[in-house]
Structures are given as C-alpha cells and as structure tokens.
N, C-alpha and C. Protein backbone atom coordinates (compact mmCIF):
# COMPACT_ATOMS: atom_id res chain seq x y z
N MET A 1 -34.62 -4.38 9.14
CA MET A 1 -33.94 -3.07 9.01
C MET A 1 -32.38 -3.44 9.33
N LYS A 2 -31.62 -2.81 8.48
CA LYS A 2 -30.15 -2.97 8.60
C LYS A 2 -29.59 -1.84 9.40
N ARG A 3 -28.44 -1.98 10.17
CA ARG A 3 -27.83 -0.92 10.77
C ARG A 3 -26.36 -1.29 10.82
N THR A 4 -25.57 -0.25 10.88
CA THR A 4 -24.05 -0.38 10.91
C THR A 4 -23.60 0.14 12.20
N VAL A 5 -22.44 -0.28 12.56
CA VAL A 5 -21.84 0.17 13.84
C VAL A 5 -20.50 0.91 13.47
N ALA A 6 -20.31 2.13 13.99
CA ALA A 6 -19.12 2.83 13.68
C ALA A 6 -18.01 2.35 14.64
N ILE A 7 -16.89 2.01 14.10
CA ILE A 7 -15.73 1.70 14.99
C ILE A 7 -14.55 2.57 14.72
N ALA A 8 -13.63 2.55 15.57
CA ALA A 8 -12.50 3.47 15.51
C ALA A 8 -11.75 3.35 14.21
N PHE A 9 -11.44 2.15 13.75
CA PHE A 9 -10.61 1.86 12.58
C PHE A 9 -11.42 2.09 11.23
N GLY A 10 -12.55 1.50 11.08
CA GLY A 10 -13.10 1.56 9.82
C GLY A 10 -14.58 1.21 9.73
N MET A 11 -14.88 -0.04 9.32
CA MET A 11 -16.22 -0.38 8.89
C MET A 11 -16.67 -1.60 9.66
N ALA A 12 -18.01 -1.75 9.77
CA ALA A 12 -18.56 -2.90 10.29
C ALA A 12 -19.56 -3.43 9.19
N PHE A 13 -19.87 -4.71 9.11
CA PHE A 13 -20.71 -5.18 8.17
C PHE A 13 -22.10 -5.54 8.80
N ALA A 14 -23.16 -5.10 8.18
CA ALA A 14 -24.43 -5.21 8.75
C ALA A 14 -25.18 -6.40 8.02
N PHE A 15 -25.80 -7.21 8.79
CA PHE A 15 -26.68 -8.33 8.27
C PHE A 15 -27.99 -8.38 9.06
N ASP A 16 -29.03 -7.77 8.47
CA ASP A 16 -30.38 -7.79 9.08
C ASP A 16 -30.23 -7.54 10.57
N GLY A 17 -29.70 -6.41 11.03
CA GLY A 17 -29.74 -5.99 12.40
C GLY A 17 -28.54 -6.48 13.14
N TRP A 18 -27.70 -7.34 12.70
CA TRP A 18 -26.56 -7.86 13.42
C TRP A 18 -25.30 -7.24 12.73
N ALA A 19 -24.54 -6.58 13.52
CA ALA A 19 -23.28 -5.99 12.98
C ALA A 19 -22.11 -6.99 13.32
N VAL A 20 -21.35 -7.31 12.27
CA VAL A 20 -20.30 -8.28 12.41
C VAL A 20 -19.00 -7.48 12.09
N GLU A 21 -18.10 -7.38 12.98
CA GLU A 21 -16.84 -6.67 12.72
C GLU A 21 -15.81 -7.64 12.16
N ARG A 22 -15.23 -7.29 10.99
CA ARG A 22 -14.23 -8.13 10.46
C ARG A 22 -12.81 -7.72 11.11
N PRO A 23 -12.07 -8.77 11.51
CA PRO A 23 -10.80 -8.36 12.18
C PRO A 23 -9.90 -7.64 11.30
N VAL A 24 -9.04 -6.82 11.90
CA VAL A 24 -8.05 -6.03 11.17
C VAL A 24 -6.96 -6.94 10.81
N GLN A 25 -6.50 -6.85 9.55
CA GLN A 25 -5.37 -7.61 9.08
C GLN A 25 -4.20 -6.69 8.78
N GLN A 26 -2.99 -6.94 9.34
CA GLN A 26 -1.82 -6.23 9.04
C GLN A 26 -1.13 -6.74 7.84
N ILE A 27 -0.82 -5.89 6.95
CA ILE A 27 -0.04 -6.24 5.70
C ILE A 27 1.35 -5.55 5.72
N GLU A 28 2.33 -6.25 5.36
CA GLU A 28 3.68 -5.54 5.37
C GLU A 28 4.28 -5.51 4.03
N CYS A 29 4.90 -4.41 3.76
CA CYS A 29 5.85 -4.25 2.57
C CYS A 29 7.27 -4.66 3.05
N PRO A 30 8.03 -5.26 2.27
CA PRO A 30 9.45 -5.43 2.73
C PRO A 30 10.10 -4.04 2.97
N ALA A 31 10.90 -3.99 4.03
CA ALA A 31 11.47 -2.65 4.44
C ALA A 31 12.46 -2.16 3.39
N ALA A 32 13.09 -3.07 2.62
CA ALA A 32 14.11 -2.67 1.66
C ALA A 32 14.25 -3.68 0.56
N LEU A 33 14.69 -3.31 -0.62
CA LEU A 33 15.07 -4.17 -1.66
C LEU A 33 16.56 -4.35 -1.63
N PRO A 34 17.08 -5.53 -1.31
CA PRO A 34 18.58 -5.63 -1.22
C PRO A 34 19.23 -5.45 -2.60
N VAL A 35 20.48 -5.03 -2.63
CA VAL A 35 21.20 -4.85 -3.87
C VAL A 35 21.14 -6.03 -4.76
N SER A 36 21.14 -7.25 -4.16
CA SER A 36 21.08 -8.49 -4.97
C SER A 36 19.78 -8.66 -5.80
N ALA A 37 18.70 -7.88 -5.36
CA ALA A 37 17.37 -7.96 -6.00
C ALA A 37 17.34 -7.02 -7.19
N ILE A 38 18.27 -6.10 -7.35
CA ILE A 38 18.17 -5.05 -8.36
C ILE A 38 19.19 -5.40 -9.48
N GLN A 39 18.64 -5.42 -10.67
CA GLN A 39 19.40 -5.67 -11.85
C GLN A 39 19.13 -4.59 -12.88
N SER A 40 20.18 -4.27 -13.63
CA SER A 40 20.04 -3.43 -14.80
C SER A 40 20.25 -4.24 -15.97
N VAL A 41 19.27 -4.53 -16.72
CA VAL A 41 19.45 -5.48 -17.94
C VAL A 41 19.71 -4.72 -19.27
N ALA A 42 19.52 -3.49 -19.37
CA ALA A 42 19.79 -2.70 -20.53
C ALA A 42 20.16 -1.28 -20.27
N PRO A 43 21.31 -1.04 -19.67
CA PRO A 43 21.81 0.30 -19.51
C PRO A 43 22.18 0.96 -20.85
N PRO A 44 22.23 2.26 -20.92
CA PRO A 44 22.50 2.93 -22.20
C PRO A 44 23.81 2.32 -22.77
N GLU A 45 23.93 2.33 -24.06
CA GLU A 45 25.13 1.77 -24.74
C GLU A 45 26.39 2.40 -24.23
N GLY A 46 27.34 1.60 -23.89
CA GLY A 46 28.66 1.99 -23.45
C GLY A 46 28.74 2.20 -21.89
N TRP A 47 27.56 1.95 -21.24
CA TRP A 47 27.53 2.20 -19.83
C TRP A 47 27.29 0.86 -19.02
N LYS A 48 27.75 0.80 -17.88
CA LYS A 48 27.50 -0.38 -17.04
C LYS A 48 26.84 0.18 -15.75
N ALA A 49 25.80 -0.56 -15.26
CA ALA A 49 25.15 -0.07 -14.06
C ALA A 49 25.47 -1.07 -12.88
N ARG A 50 25.59 -0.46 -11.73
CA ARG A 50 25.86 -1.37 -10.50
C ARG A 50 25.08 -0.64 -9.36
N PRO A 51 24.06 -1.32 -8.81
CA PRO A 51 23.43 -0.72 -7.64
C PRO A 51 24.44 -0.78 -6.47
N THR A 52 24.45 0.35 -5.66
CA THR A 52 25.37 0.45 -4.63
C THR A 52 24.75 0.37 -3.25
N ALA A 53 23.43 0.48 -3.10
CA ALA A 53 22.72 0.44 -1.86
C ALA A 53 21.39 -0.14 -2.01
N PRO A 54 20.82 -0.69 -0.98
CA PRO A 54 19.47 -1.19 -1.15
C PRO A 54 18.45 -0.06 -1.34
N PHE A 55 17.34 -0.28 -2.00
CA PHE A 55 16.27 0.62 -2.16
C PHE A 55 15.40 0.51 -0.92
N LEU A 56 15.16 1.56 -0.19
CA LEU A 56 14.33 1.59 1.04
C LEU A 56 12.90 1.88 0.80
N LEU A 57 12.00 1.35 1.60
CA LEU A 57 10.60 1.55 1.45
C LEU A 57 10.25 3.02 1.59
N SER A 58 9.53 3.63 0.73
CA SER A 58 9.15 4.95 0.76
C SER A 58 7.71 5.23 0.53
N SER A 59 6.87 4.27 0.19
CA SER A 59 5.44 4.49 0.10
C SER A 59 4.70 3.16 -0.07
N ALA A 60 3.31 3.23 0.05
CA ALA A 60 2.50 2.06 -0.09
C ALA A 60 1.15 2.63 -0.60
N GLY A 61 0.53 1.84 -1.55
CA GLY A 61 -0.81 2.21 -2.02
C GLY A 61 -1.41 0.93 -2.62
N PHE A 62 -2.54 1.20 -3.41
CA PHE A 62 -3.21 0.00 -3.89
C PHE A 62 -3.56 0.20 -5.43
N ASN A 63 -3.67 -0.93 -6.07
CA ASN A 63 -3.98 -0.98 -7.50
C ASN A 63 -5.19 -1.89 -7.72
N GLY A 64 -5.97 -1.48 -8.75
CA GLY A 64 -7.18 -2.31 -9.06
C GLY A 64 -6.83 -3.27 -10.15
N GLY A 65 -5.78 -3.98 -9.99
CA GLY A 65 -5.37 -5.01 -10.95
C GLY A 65 -3.78 -5.18 -10.88
N PRO A 66 -3.22 -6.08 -11.66
CA PRO A 66 -1.76 -6.27 -11.62
C PRO A 66 -1.04 -5.08 -12.14
N PRO A 67 0.26 -5.01 -11.86
CA PRO A 67 1.10 -3.83 -12.16
C PRO A 67 0.99 -3.42 -13.63
N GLU A 68 1.03 -4.35 -14.60
CA GLU A 68 0.94 -4.05 -15.94
C GLU A 68 -0.28 -3.23 -16.34
N MET A 69 -1.35 -3.29 -15.54
CA MET A 69 -2.58 -2.52 -15.83
C MET A 69 -2.42 -1.07 -15.56
N ILE A 70 -1.53 -0.67 -14.69
CA ILE A 70 -1.29 0.64 -14.14
C ILE A 70 -2.64 1.25 -13.74
N ALA A 71 -3.24 0.58 -12.79
CA ALA A 71 -4.56 0.92 -12.26
C ALA A 71 -4.41 1.42 -10.77
N ASP A 72 -3.61 2.55 -10.66
CA ASP A 72 -3.44 3.10 -9.29
C ASP A 72 -4.78 3.56 -8.77
N LEU A 73 -5.12 3.27 -7.50
CA LEU A 73 -6.28 3.75 -6.78
C LEU A 73 -6.00 4.98 -5.94
N VAL A 74 -6.89 5.87 -5.94
CA VAL A 74 -6.75 7.14 -5.22
C VAL A 74 -7.29 6.96 -3.84
N PRO A 75 -6.58 7.41 -2.81
CA PRO A 75 -7.14 7.30 -1.42
C PRO A 75 -8.44 8.11 -1.26
N TYR A 76 -9.31 7.57 -0.40
CA TYR A 76 -10.56 8.26 -0.04
C TYR A 76 -10.24 9.51 0.69
N SER A 77 -9.26 9.40 1.63
CA SER A 77 -8.88 10.54 2.37
C SER A 77 -7.44 10.49 2.73
N VAL A 78 -6.77 11.70 2.86
CA VAL A 78 -5.39 11.76 3.22
C VAL A 78 -5.31 12.84 4.37
N VAL A 79 -4.75 12.48 5.39
CA VAL A 79 -4.56 13.38 6.57
C VAL A 79 -3.07 13.54 6.84
N GLU A 80 -2.54 14.71 6.72
CA GLU A 80 -1.16 14.93 7.05
C GLU A 80 -1.04 15.48 8.42
N LYS A 81 -0.23 14.84 9.18
CA LYS A 81 0.03 15.34 10.62
C LYS A 81 1.41 15.92 10.72
N ARG A 82 1.62 16.46 11.90
CA ARG A 82 2.95 17.06 12.10
C ARG A 82 4.06 16.04 11.95
N ALA A 83 5.23 16.53 11.79
CA ALA A 83 6.50 15.69 11.75
C ALA A 83 6.34 14.76 10.41
N GLN A 84 5.73 15.21 9.46
CA GLN A 84 5.58 14.47 8.11
C GLN A 84 4.94 13.07 8.28
N GLN A 85 4.05 12.97 9.28
CA GLN A 85 3.29 11.77 9.44
C GLN A 85 2.02 11.89 8.49
N MET A 86 1.67 10.79 7.96
CA MET A 86 0.53 10.74 7.03
C MET A 86 -0.36 9.53 7.25
N VAL A 87 -1.69 9.77 7.18
CA VAL A 87 -2.61 8.62 7.24
C VAL A 87 -3.46 8.73 5.99
N GLU A 88 -3.38 7.68 5.22
CA GLU A 88 -4.23 7.59 3.98
C GLU A 88 -5.20 6.48 4.18
N THR A 89 -6.46 6.76 3.73
CA THR A 89 -7.50 5.73 3.87
C THR A 89 -8.09 5.46 2.48
N TRP A 90 -8.20 4.14 2.17
CA TRP A 90 -8.80 3.69 0.90
C TRP A 90 -10.11 2.95 1.30
N LYS A 91 -11.15 3.25 0.51
CA LYS A 91 -12.37 2.43 0.72
C LYS A 91 -12.69 1.76 -0.58
N PHE A 92 -12.96 0.47 -0.51
CA PHE A 92 -13.09 -0.37 -1.66
C PHE A 92 -14.51 -0.95 -1.73
N ASP A 93 -14.99 -1.14 -2.97
CA ASP A 93 -16.18 -1.97 -3.28
C ASP A 93 -15.61 -3.27 -3.68
N PRO A 94 -15.75 -4.35 -2.82
CA PRO A 94 -15.09 -5.65 -3.14
C PRO A 94 -15.48 -6.21 -4.49
N ASP A 95 -16.63 -5.75 -5.10
CA ASP A 95 -17.01 -6.31 -6.38
C ASP A 95 -16.41 -5.51 -7.57
N SER A 96 -15.56 -4.56 -7.24
CA SER A 96 -15.06 -3.70 -8.34
C SER A 96 -13.72 -4.19 -8.87
N PHE A 97 -13.17 -5.39 -8.46
CA PHE A 97 -11.80 -5.64 -8.82
C PHE A 97 -11.80 -7.07 -9.54
N PRO A 98 -12.21 -7.20 -10.76
CA PRO A 98 -12.22 -8.43 -11.51
C PRO A 98 -10.87 -8.96 -11.67
N ASP A 99 -9.86 -8.03 -11.73
CA ASP A 99 -8.46 -8.48 -11.94
C ASP A 99 -7.78 -8.50 -10.52
N GLY A 100 -8.49 -8.37 -9.41
CA GLY A 100 -7.84 -8.49 -8.09
C GLY A 100 -7.50 -7.13 -7.55
N LEU A 101 -7.31 -7.10 -6.20
CA LEU A 101 -6.84 -5.91 -5.53
C LEU A 101 -5.35 -6.20 -5.20
N TRP A 102 -4.52 -5.18 -5.45
CA TRP A 102 -3.04 -5.36 -5.39
C TRP A 102 -2.50 -4.31 -4.47
N LEU A 103 -1.61 -4.76 -3.58
CA LEU A 103 -0.80 -3.73 -2.79
C LEU A 103 0.47 -3.43 -3.58
N ALA A 104 0.79 -2.11 -3.63
CA ALA A 104 1.96 -1.54 -4.34
C ALA A 104 2.88 -0.93 -3.38
N CYS A 105 4.01 -1.43 -3.17
CA CYS A 105 5.08 -0.88 -2.26
C CYS A 105 6.17 -0.19 -3.03
N GLY A 106 6.35 1.14 -2.74
CA GLY A 106 7.25 1.94 -3.54
C GLY A 106 8.63 2.05 -2.85
N TYR A 107 9.67 2.06 -3.60
CA TYR A 107 11.04 2.12 -3.07
C TYR A 107 11.83 3.14 -3.83
N GLY A 108 12.71 3.77 -3.17
CA GLY A 108 13.66 4.68 -3.72
C GLY A 108 13.22 6.21 -3.80
N GLY A 109 12.45 6.54 -2.82
CA GLY A 109 12.14 7.98 -2.74
C GLY A 109 10.62 8.23 -3.05
N ALA A 110 10.30 9.52 -3.02
CA ALA A 110 8.88 9.92 -3.21
C ALA A 110 8.30 9.46 -4.46
N GLY A 111 9.11 9.34 -5.53
CA GLY A 111 8.62 8.87 -6.81
C GLY A 111 8.39 7.34 -6.89
N GLY A 112 8.82 6.68 -5.97
CA GLY A 112 8.67 5.20 -5.94
C GLY A 112 9.33 4.63 -7.23
N GLU A 113 10.64 4.75 -7.33
CA GLU A 113 11.30 4.45 -8.56
C GLU A 113 11.18 2.89 -8.87
N ILE A 114 11.07 2.17 -7.85
CA ILE A 114 10.86 0.70 -8.04
C ILE A 114 9.58 0.39 -7.23
N THR A 115 8.71 -0.41 -7.82
CA THR A 115 7.46 -0.82 -7.11
C THR A 115 7.37 -2.31 -7.03
N LEU A 116 7.17 -2.88 -5.86
CA LEU A 116 6.83 -4.28 -5.72
C LEU A 116 5.36 -4.30 -5.47
N SER A 117 4.74 -5.26 -6.13
CA SER A 117 3.27 -5.47 -6.08
C SER A 117 2.95 -6.91 -5.78
N ARG A 118 1.81 -7.06 -5.00
CA ARG A 118 1.32 -8.45 -4.79
C ARG A 118 -0.16 -8.39 -4.55
N GLN A 119 -0.84 -9.46 -5.08
CA GLN A 119 -2.31 -9.44 -4.96
C GLN A 119 -2.64 -9.72 -3.46
N ILE A 120 -3.69 -9.00 -3.00
CA ILE A 120 -4.17 -9.14 -1.62
C ILE A 120 -5.60 -9.59 -1.69
N ASP A 121 -6.25 -9.77 -0.52
CA ASP A 121 -7.68 -10.17 -0.47
C ASP A 121 -8.54 -9.10 -1.05
N SER A 122 -9.37 -9.47 -2.12
CA SER A 122 -10.18 -8.50 -2.74
C SER A 122 -11.39 -8.16 -2.06
N THR A 123 -11.69 -8.85 -0.84
CA THR A 123 -12.87 -8.61 -0.12
C THR A 123 -12.66 -7.53 0.96
N PHE A 124 -11.41 -6.97 1.05
CA PHE A 124 -11.29 -5.81 2.01
C PHE A 124 -12.15 -4.70 1.60
N SER A 125 -12.72 -4.00 2.50
CA SER A 125 -13.54 -2.82 2.22
C SER A 125 -12.84 -1.49 2.64
N VAL A 126 -11.88 -1.63 3.52
CA VAL A 126 -11.10 -0.40 4.03
C VAL A 126 -9.66 -0.80 4.26
N CYS A 127 -8.75 0.01 3.82
CA CYS A 127 -7.32 -0.11 4.15
C CYS A 127 -6.82 1.27 4.58
N VAL A 128 -6.02 1.24 5.60
CA VAL A 128 -5.41 2.45 6.17
C VAL A 128 -3.88 2.27 6.17
N VAL A 129 -3.18 3.29 5.54
CA VAL A 129 -1.70 3.26 5.46
C VAL A 129 -1.30 4.43 6.24
N LYS A 130 -0.53 4.15 7.29
CA LYS A 130 0.06 5.20 8.20
C LYS A 130 1.54 5.17 7.91
N SER A 131 2.06 6.36 7.64
CA SER A 131 3.52 6.44 7.38
C SER A 131 4.21 7.67 8.06
N SER A 132 5.39 7.42 8.28
CA SER A 132 6.17 8.52 9.01
C SER A 132 7.59 8.34 8.55
N PRO A 133 8.46 9.42 8.72
CA PRO A 133 9.85 9.28 8.32
C PRO A 133 10.52 8.09 8.92
N GLY A 134 11.36 7.45 8.16
CA GLY A 134 12.07 6.25 8.68
C GLY A 134 13.46 6.76 9.29
N LYS A 135 14.19 5.79 9.77
CA LYS A 135 15.50 6.16 10.43
C LYS A 135 16.57 6.47 9.37
N LYS A 136 16.45 6.00 8.13
CA LYS A 136 17.42 6.30 7.12
C LYS A 136 16.88 7.38 6.18
N ALA A 137 17.65 8.16 5.61
CA ALA A 137 17.27 9.23 4.65
C ALA A 137 16.48 8.67 3.56
N GLY A 138 15.30 9.25 3.27
CA GLY A 138 14.46 8.88 2.10
C GLY A 138 13.57 7.67 2.37
N SER A 139 13.68 7.01 3.59
CA SER A 139 12.85 5.90 3.93
C SER A 139 11.67 6.39 4.75
N ARG A 140 10.60 5.49 4.69
CA ARG A 140 9.40 5.80 5.54
C ARG A 140 9.06 4.47 6.30
N GLN A 141 8.57 4.73 7.50
CA GLN A 141 8.05 3.53 8.24
C GLN A 141 6.58 3.45 7.83
N VAL A 142 6.12 2.35 7.37
CA VAL A 142 4.80 2.18 6.78
C VAL A 142 4.02 1.11 7.60
N VAL A 143 2.72 1.41 8.07
CA VAL A 143 1.96 0.32 8.64
C VAL A 143 0.65 0.33 7.94
N ILE A 144 0.37 -0.94 7.39
CA ILE A 144 -0.81 -1.04 6.57
C ILE A 144 -1.86 -1.96 7.32
N SER A 145 -3.08 -1.48 7.49
CA SER A 145 -4.11 -2.21 8.21
C SER A 145 -5.41 -2.26 7.30
N CYS A 146 -5.89 -3.48 7.12
CA CYS A 146 -7.04 -3.66 6.24
C CYS A 146 -8.12 -4.43 6.91
N ARG A 147 -9.23 -4.24 6.52
CA ARG A 147 -10.50 -4.96 7.08
C ARG A 147 -11.43 -5.05 5.89
C-alpha cells in the first residue's frame, strides 16, 4: 500500500509505504536586465532607440517548452494577499514536458515586455512563486521554490 505525507510546502513522494521528501530548491530570476543587455535592432524607419534604464523583474512563471513554443503554463492556484502579495502554485506531471520545463522571468511591468527563459529540472512536481512589490516602481520581489 502506498501513502503520501502532507508537508507545509508541497508534495512528498511515496514508494511502497515509504515517503521520501525531495529537498526544496530555490531558483532565482535576475533582479534586472541592465541597459547593456537591451538592444533595438529594427526600430521604425527614421527612429533610433536607446534604452535609458534597466528593466526590473516584474513576474515569474513556467513554460512547457522553450520560449519559441509559447507554451505558458497556468498556475494550479493563485492566492492574493494584502499589500499586493501573491502566492502562485504550479503542479507538474514530470512526464508531460518532452521539450523540457522552462522558467520564464518577466521584466518591464505587468505585461512582462521582455522575458528571459531558461530550462530547469523537468522532474519538479511543484513550484511556488511568492511575489510582493519591490523597492522600485514597477518591480516585484520574487521567490521561487521548487521540489
């Protein structure tokens, strides 16, 4: 008989009566994209573009494949707390990502005008993103925990 153990953060794995807790792994998005990382390669004709400030971290989420697939995953649950704090939980089936599981970090406001993505461990079964207003306007402090 298999059994699972509930834990405060997320999930435990059950193996024939033995529950094995996977350690929590913290994943970080860069806090900002520096001006030197931003290029405008094709502004409208007659115009020149020049970024004047870094793009600040404003969101984090997950994709079921690389960015060009546009495979945004929807959180399993979203809890909004006072003072614009948010806790989003994603639950994953590790066998569901033949193209990998990707972290997507959004910059430049609520719309995430620029997104940085990188592949992460596809065997995660739960990831939690906690975010709250950052010190600078439009930024968010984001803590990502996966197991």
